[in-house]
């Protein structure tokens, strides 16, 4: 039986008597067309190189954030534009104080950064807080929690907080952080904090891009030197014993003495600076000004003996070689022939039919033949 449009329900066919079924309500579309149009209108327009540079130099946080996103992107066209922006901003960078901050988990780094940051902003500083997350390669997570823990600082107009990228190797994340420093300085931020989430290999990367390296520690956690690598202590230009408040004041003073004694066992620093230990309470904002006075004293000493400029030059050279290494490594592992060869040779290494060194030699020879 064929039904016309007017008989969309079989019950409405004339053959059926005394029964009429009304036409149903037409369902609305799953996407609101007005909302979709408004969303498309709000999408940010592509900016030109000149617009990016002019916006950054004018201190526009939105444009600065978009430029940092370009740096973090792995798309070739974004990387190319990002490098052009960095090149244009480079002459306007280099005038900030770069402070590296690290410490054992639970030392109160975020609270300390907020307390010191607010102290500096009260003195007229413009502060950018950048984070390097050494766990990003394993967990694919980032240190976004810092922005929520620093509520007062993140809502201050003269503060800019930027978490690290959510994926990528430590080397890649660190290189992008160094490039972000250049943009932040060009945007007028005269104080840069670079934070790491714990004591590990990321400290070496941070140390290679800052002027002053600050280690945050706490007292009352057992053996005061337990678990702290000698290399981290040697890199520190200053130590802050945090949470020196309440019943913990005496323990903090004792820890200060122990850390000071430990620092004297290390060889003299190239800068001529003798690392110091200070106590503070971030939650009460006590002792914070003393720590910044220590940083300023260090800056004055290293600028007067020219170590500051020498260190900046060596860091630039270091990151040139790091960038080369990173690029070569990426090119190698993204090469189609190498990918296939690795899949072929890995089982041979695992079964002991070929040594690791011989496998590496074959892979490199194959790659070198193409370049």
Protein backbone atom coordinates (compact mmCIF):
# COMPACT_ATOMS: atom_id res chain seq x y z
CA UNK A 1 0.00 0.00 0.00
CA UNK A 2 1.48 3.39 -1.00
CA UNK A 3 0.91 6.40 1.23
CA UNK A 4 1.19 9.98 0.03
CA UNK A 5 2.69 12.88 1.97
CA UNK A 6 -0.66 13.65 3.58
CA UNK A 7 -0.78 10.07 4.89
CA UNK A 8 2.56 9.90 6.73
CA UNK A 9 0.99 7.50 9.25
CA UNK A 10 -0.73 4.34 7.99
CA UNK A 11 -3.52 4.96 10.49
CA UNK A 12 -4.53 8.08 8.51
CA UNK A 13 -5.30 6.04 5.37
CA UNK A 14 -8.96 6.39 4.33
CA UNK A 15 -9.37 2.62 4.69
CA UNK A 16 -9.12 3.12 8.47
CA UNK A 17 -12.26 4.63 10.00
CA UNK A 18 -12.52 6.78 13.12
CA UNK A 19 -8.73 7.13 13.74
CA UNK A 20 -6.50 10.12 13.00
CA UNK A 21 -2.87 10.49 14.09
CA UNK A 22 -1.55 14.03 14.12
CA UNK A 23 1.78 14.86 12.49
CA UNK A 24 4.68 14.85 14.97
CA UNK A 25 6.74 17.90 15.95
CA UNK A 26 9.79 18.41 13.72
CA UNK A 27 12.98 17.84 15.69
CA UNK A 28 15.38 20.79 15.91
CA UNK A 29 18.93 20.39 14.53
CA UNK A 30 21.52 18.95 16.92
CA UNK A 31 23.67 22.09 16.57
CA UNK A 32 22.17 25.51 17.24
CA UNK A 33 22.89 27.45 14.02
CA UNK A 34 22.98 30.80 15.87
CA UNK A 35 25.48 29.47 18.43
CA UNK A 36 27.62 27.94 15.67
CA UNK A 37 27.66 31.26 13.80
CA UNK A 38 28.66 33.18 16.94
CA UNK A 39 31.42 30.63 17.66
CA UNK A 40 32.85 30.98 14.16
CA UNK A 41 32.74 34.78 14.44
CA UNK A 42 34.69 34.65 17.72
CA UNK A 43 37.46 32.42 16.35
CA UNK A 44 40.72 34.35 16.40
CA UNK A 45 41.86 35.56 13.02
CA UNK A 46 45.29 34.58 11.72
CA UNK A 47 47.81 37.28 12.60
CA UNK A 48 50.65 38.47 10.42
CA UNK A 49 54.27 38.54 11.58
CA UNK A 50 54.07 42.32 12.04
CA UNK A 51 50.88 42.02 14.12
CA UNK A 52 52.51 39.44 16.40
CA UNK A 53 55.65 41.52 16.91
CA UNK A 54 53.79 44.81 17.41
CA UNK A 55 51.40 43.15 19.87
CA UNK A 56 54.22 41.59 21.89
CA UNK A 57 56.20 44.83 22.04
CA UNK A 58 53.02 46.62 23.17
CA UNK A 59 52.66 44.11 26.03
CA UNK A 60 49.45 42.50 24.72
CA UNK A 61 49.11 39.33 26.83
CA UNK A 62 46.67 37.69 24.40
CA UNK A 63 49.03 38.06 21.46
CA UNK A 64 51.99 37.00 23.62
CA UNK A 65 50.12 33.83 24.61
CA UNK A 66 49.26 33.07 20.98
CA UNK A 67 52.92 33.52 20.03
CA UNK A 68 54.00 31.13 22.82
CA UNK A 69 51.45 28.62 21.51
CA UNK A 70 53.15 28.86 18.10
CA UNK A 71 56.49 28.07 19.78
CA UNK A 72 54.96 25.03 21.46
CA UNK A 73 53.31 23.78 18.26
CA UNK A 74 54.94 20.99 16.29
CA UNK A 75 53.43 22.08 12.95
CA UNK A 76 56.16 23.22 10.52
CA UNK A 77 54.27 26.37 9.46
CA UNK A 78 53.81 27.38 13.12
CA UNK A 79 57.47 26.72 13.88
CA UNK A 80 58.58 28.82 10.92
CA UNK A 81 56.41 31.77 12.00
CA UNK A 82 57.53 31.36 15.63
CA UNK A 83 61.21 31.57 14.65
CA UNK A 84 60.53 34.74 12.64
CA UNK A 85 58.78 36.29 15.66
CA UNK A 86 61.69 35.34 17.95
CA UNK A 87 64.18 36.88 15.51
CA UNK A 88 62.26 40.18 15.48
CA UNK A 89 61.91 40.20 19.26
CA UNK A 90 65.52 39.26 20.02
CA UNK A 91 66.87 42.86 19.95
CA UNK A 92 64.26 43.81 22.57
CA UNK A 93 65.16 40.97 24.98
CA UNK A 94 67.91 40.30 27.50
CA UNK A 95 67.15 43.01 30.04
CA UNK A 96 65.40 40.89 32.68
CA UNK A 97 66.55 39.10 35.81
CA UNK A 98 66.16 35.36 35.14
CA UNK A 99 65.64 33.37 38.32
CA UNK A 100 65.54 29.56 38.34
CA UNK A 101 63.55 28.02 41.20
CA UNK A 102 63.58 24.36 42.16
CA UNK A 103 63.18 22.26 45.26
CA UNK A 104 62.14 18.97 46.75
CA UNK A 105 58.44 18.05 46.40
CA UNK A 106 56.41 19.61 49.19
CA UNK A 107 58.90 22.42 49.79
CA UNK A 108 56.23 25.01 48.99
CA UNK A 109 57.61 26.29 45.67
CA UNK A 110 54.27 27.60 44.42
CA UNK A 111 53.55 29.46 47.67
CA UNK A 112 57.08 30.85 47.65
CA UNK A 113 56.81 32.00 44.02
CA UNK A 114 53.53 33.74 44.77
CA UNK A 115 54.93 35.46 47.89
CA UNK A 116 58.12 36.60 46.14
CA UNK A 117 56.20 37.55 42.98
CA UNK A 118 53.73 39.75 44.86
CA UNK A 119 56.63 41.34 46.76
CA UNK A 120 58.37 42.25 43.47
CA UNK A 121 55.19 43.51 41.81
CA UNK A 122 54.63 45.82 44.79
CA UNK A 123 58.09 47.22 44.01
CA UNK A 124 57.02 47.89 40.40
CA UNK A 125 58.27 44.74 38.64
CA UNK A 126 56.57 42.93 35.77
CA UNK A 127 56.83 39.19 36.37
CA UNK A 128 56.56 36.17 34.06
CA UNK A 129 56.45 32.70 35.64
CA UNK A 130 57.34 29.83 33.29
CA UNK A 131 57.35 26.16 34.20
CA UNK A 132 59.41 23.22 32.97
CA UNK A 133 57.69 19.89 33.56
CA UNK A 134 60.14 16.95 33.42
CA UNK A 135 57.28 14.41 33.70
CA UNK A 136 55.59 15.59 30.51
CA UNK A 137 57.12 12.86 28.35
CA UNK A 138 55.87 10.08 30.62
CA UNK A 139 52.46 11.31 31.76
CA UNK A 140 51.58 13.68 28.91
CA UNK A 141 50.41 15.99 31.69
CA UNK A 142 51.44 19.51 32.51
CA UNK A 143 51.89 21.64 35.57
CA UNK A 144 48.61 23.53 35.07
CA UNK A 145 47.90 23.17 38.79
CA UNK A 146 50.37 25.96 39.50
CA UNK A 147 48.04 28.52 37.98
CA UNK A 148 45.26 27.55 40.37
CA UNK A 149 47.59 27.44 43.40
CA UNK A 150 48.83 30.98 42.70
CA UNK A 151 45.40 32.63 42.76
CA UNK A 152 46.52 36.07 43.95
CA UNK A 153 49.51 36.23 41.63
CA UNK A 154 47.67 34.97 38.55
CA UNK A 155 44.99 37.66 38.95
CA UNK A 156 47.58 40.47 39.16
CA UNK A 157 47.82 42.54 35.94
CA UNK A 158 51.64 42.70 36.01
CA UNK A 159 52.06 38.92 36.33
CA UNK A 160 52.02 36.36 33.51
CA UNK A 161 51.97 32.64 34.37
CA UNK A 162 52.58 30.13 31.59
CA UNK A 163 52.66 26.36 32.26
CA UNK A 164 54.96 24.14 30.21
CA UNK A 165 53.77 22.26 27.11
CA UNK A 166 51.73 19.14 27.87
CA UNK A 167 53.87 16.78 25.77
CA UNK A 168 57.38 16.42 24.43
CA UNK A 169 60.86 15.50 25.58
CA UNK A 170 62.56 17.45 28.35
CA UNK A 171 65.03 18.90 25.84
CA UNK A 172 62.23 20.14 23.62
CA UNK A 173 60.25 21.60 26.52
CA UNK A 174 63.35 23.36 27.87
CA UNK A 175 64.24 24.81 24.45
CA UNK A 176 60.71 26.17 24.05
CA UNK A 177 60.91 27.70 27.52
CA UNK A 178 64.11 29.53 26.57
CA UNK A 179 62.41 30.88 23.42
CA UNK A 180 59.43 31.95 25.52
CA UNK A 181 61.80 33.92 27.78
CA UNK A 182 62.79 36.04 24.76
CA UNK A 183 59.16 36.88 23.96
CA UNK A 184 58.34 37.69 27.60
CA UNK A 185 61.31 40.04 27.85
CA UNK A 186 60.29 41.75 24.61
CA UNK A 187 56.79 42.16 26.08
CA UNK A 188 58.26 44.17 28.97
CA UNK A 189 58.60 41.56 31.71
CA UNK A 190 61.74 42.51 33.62
CA UNK A 191 61.71 39.52 35.99
CA UNK A 192 61.41 35.92 34.80
CA UNK A 193 60.92 32.94 37.12
CA UNK A 194 61.58 29.50 35.65
CA UNK A 195 60.23 26.75 37.90
CA UNK A 196 60.76 22.99 37.85
CA UNK A 197 58.51 20.54 39.64
CA UNK A 198 61.19 18.55 41.46
CA UNK A 199 64.81 17.63 41.93
CA UNK A 200 65.92 15.82 38.76
CA UNK A 201 67.59 16.24 35.40
CA UNK A 202 65.45 19.27 34.54
CA UNK A 203 67.56 21.37 36.94
CA UNK A 204 70.50 21.23 34.51
CA UNK A 205 68.29 22.63 31.76
CA UNK A 206 67.00 25.41 34.01
CA UNK A 207 70.49 26.27 35.24
CA UNK A 208 71.57 26.80 31.63
CA UNK A 209 69.00 29.55 31.03
CA UNK A 210 68.95 31.60 34.25
CA UNK A 211 71.16 34.14 36.00
CA UNK A 212 70.48 32.99 39.57
CA UNK A 213 69.58 29.43 40.63
CA UNK A 214 67.57 29.17 43.86
CA UNK A 215 67.01 25.90 45.71
CA UNK A 216 63.94 25.72 48.00
CA UNK A 217 64.28 23.26 50.90
CA UNK A 218 62.47 22.57 54.16
CA UNK A 219 63.54 21.58 57.65
CA UNK A 220 62.28 18.72 59.74
CA UNK A 221 62.15 16.16 56.96
CA UNK A 222 64.73 13.78 58.43
CA UNK A 223 68.37 13.98 57.39
CA UNK A 224 68.65 17.48 55.93
CA UNK A 225 70.99 16.43 53.13
CA UNK A 226 69.27 13.13 52.39
CA UNK A 227 68.03 12.77 48.82
CA UNK A 228 69.56 16.03 47.61
CA UNK A 229 71.99 15.38 44.81
CA UNK A 230 75.41 16.93 45.15
CA UNK A 231 75.07 18.34 41.62
CA UNK A 232 71.93 20.28 42.58
CA UNK A 233 73.66 21.77 45.64
CA UNK A 234 76.66 22.75 43.53
CA UNK A 235 74.45 24.51 40.99
CA UNK A 236 72.63 26.56 43.65
CA UNK A 237 73.56 30.23 43.98
CA UNK A 238 71.33 30.46 47.02
CA UNK A 239 69.19 28.25 49.26
CA UNK A 240 65.90 29.24 50.87
CA UNK A 241 64.78 27.14 53.84
CA UNK A 242 61.02 27.54 53.56
CA UNK A 243 58.24 27.05 56.16
CA UNK A 244 60.27 28.75 58.90
CA UNK A 245 57.23 29.54 61.02
CA UNK A 246 55.48 28.37 64.18
CA UNK A 247 57.20 25.47 65.89
CA UNK A 248 59.44 24.96 62.86
CA UNK A 249 61.56 28.12 63.35
CA UNK A 250 64.32 26.44 65.38
CA UNK A 251 64.48 23.49 62.96
CA UNK A 252 64.76 25.92 60.07
CA UNK A 253 67.65 27.76 61.74
CA UNK A 254 69.42 24.45 62.37
CA UNK A 255 68.87 23.42 58.75
CA UNK A 256 70.28 26.79 57.62
CA UNK A 257 73.48 26.09 59.57
CA UNK A 258 73.78 22.56 58.16
CA UNK A 259 73.24 23.69 54.56
CA UNK A 260 75.71 26.56 54.98
CA UNK A 261 78.35 24.14 56.24
CA UNK A 262 77.67 21.81 53.31
CA UNK A 263 78.05 24.64 50.79
CA UNK A 264 81.51 25.47 52.15
CA UNK A 265 82.69 21.99 51.19
CA UNK A 266 82.14 22.69 47.48
CA UNK A 267 84.79 24.22 45.21
CA UNK A 268 84.73 28.03 44.67
CA UNK A 269 82.24 29.19 42.06
CA UNK A 270 83.34 30.67 38.72
CA UNK A 271 81.28 33.77 39.44
CA UNK A 272 83.22 34.58 42.60
CA UNK A 273 79.94 34.50 44.51
CA UNK A 274 79.70 32.58 47.78
CA UNK A 275 76.27 30.87 47.91
CA UNK A 276 74.15 31.84 50.91
CA UNK A 277 71.32 30.25 52.87
CA UNK A 278 68.29 32.21 54.09
CA UNK A 279 65.17 31.15 55.97
CA UNK A 280 61.67 32.28 55.06
CA UNK A 281 57.98 31.65 55.57
CA UNK A 282 56.13 31.96 52.27
CA UNK A 283 52.71 31.69 53.88
CA UNK A 284 53.49 34.60 56.24
CA UNK A 285 55.64 36.44 53.65
CA UNK A 286 58.47 36.65 56.20
CA UNK A 287 62.10 36.64 55.06
CA UNK A 288 61.05 37.00 51.40
CA UNK A 289 62.67 40.42 51.02
CA UNK A 290 65.98 39.03 52.36
CA UNK A 291 66.02 36.42 49.61
CA UNK A 292 65.46 39.02 46.90
CA UNK A 293 68.18 41.21 48.46
CA UNK A 294 70.51 38.20 48.07
CA UNK A 295 69.55 37.93 44.37
CA UNK A 296 70.18 41.64 43.79
CA UNK A 297 73.54 41.43 45.57
CA UNK A 298 74.49 38.51 43.31
CA UNK A 299 73.41 40.44 40.19
CA UNK A 300 75.48 43.45 41.22
CA UNK A 301 78.58 41.34 41.88
CA UNK A 302 78.39 39.30 38.65
CA UNK A 303 77.73 42.37 36.50
CA UNK A 304 80.66 44.21 38.03
CA UNK A 305 83.11 41.33 37.36
CA UNK A 306 81.54 40.63 33.90
CA UNK A 307 80.58 37.05 34.80
CA UNK A 308 76.93 37.96 34.07
CA UNK A 309 77.60 38.77 30.39
CA UNK A 310 80.02 35.87 29.99
CA UNK A 311 77.44 33.47 31.43
CA UNK A 312 74.72 34.76 29.09
CA UNK A 313 77.04 34.26 26.08
CA UNK A 314 77.90 30.71 27.15
CA UNK A 315 74.20 29.91 27.64
CA UNK A 316 73.37 31.15 24.14
CA UNK A 317 76.13 28.94 22.73
CA UNK A 318 74.94 25.97 24.79
CA UNK A 319 71.41 26.29 23.42
CA UNK A 320 72.70 26.57 19.87
CA UNK A 321 74.26 23.11 20.23
CA UNK A 322 71.23 21.77 22.10
CA UNK A 323 68.98 22.94 19.26
CA UNK A 324 71.22 21.21 16.72
CA UNK A 325 71.13 17.98 18.74
CA UNK A 326 67.35 18.15 19.09
CA UNK A 327 66.84 18.80 15.39
CA UNK A 328 69.19 15.98 14.31
CA UNK A 329 67.52 13.58 16.72
CA UNK A 330 64.02 14.45 15.44
CA UNK A 331 65.10 14.16 11.80
CA UNK A 332 66.69 10.78 12.47
CA UNK A 333 63.69 9.20 14.20
CA UNK A 334 61.13 10.67 11.79
CA UNK A 335 62.97 9.32 8.74
CA UNK A 336 60.82 6.68 7.00
CA UNK A 337 63.72 4.35 6.15
CA UNK A 338 65.08 4.56 9.69
CA UNK A 339 61.66 3.73 11.13
CA UNK A 340 61.46 0.61 8.99
CA UNK A 341 65.04 -0.39 9.78
CA UNK A 342 64.48 0.04 13.52
CA UNK A 343 61.41 -2.22 13.36
CA UNK A 344 63.55 -4.80 11.54
CA UNK A 345 66.64 -4.58 13.74
CA UNK A 346 65.05 -4.30 17.21
CA UNK A 347 64.07 -8.02 17.41
CA UNK A 348 67.66 -8.95 16.49
CA UNK A 349 69.01 -6.84 19.35
CA UNK A 350 66.44 -8.25 21.77
CA UNK A 351 67.32 -11.83 20.85
CA UNK A 352 71.06 -11.19 21.10
CA UNK A 353 71.75 -11.88 17.39
CA UNK A 354 73.32 -8.44 17.02
CA UNK A 355 74.90 -6.10 19.55
CA UNK A 356 73.37 -2.72 20.46
CA UNK A 357 76.47 -0.97 19.14
CA UNK A 358 76.42 -2.76 15.79
CA UNK A 359 72.71 -1.97 15.41
CA UNK A 360 73.35 1.70 16.13
CA UNK A 361 76.22 1.76 13.61
CA UNK A 362 74.04 0.25 10.88
CA UNK A 363 71.21 2.72 11.54
CA UNK A 364 73.56 5.70 11.47
CA UNK A 365 75.27 4.49 8.28
CA UNK A 366 71.86 4.13 6.62
CA UNK A 367 70.91 7.63 7.71
CA UNK A 368 74.22 9.17 6.62
CA UNK A 369 73.85 7.72 3.12
CA UNK A 370 70.67 9.76 2.68
CA UNK A 371 72.10 13.05 3.94
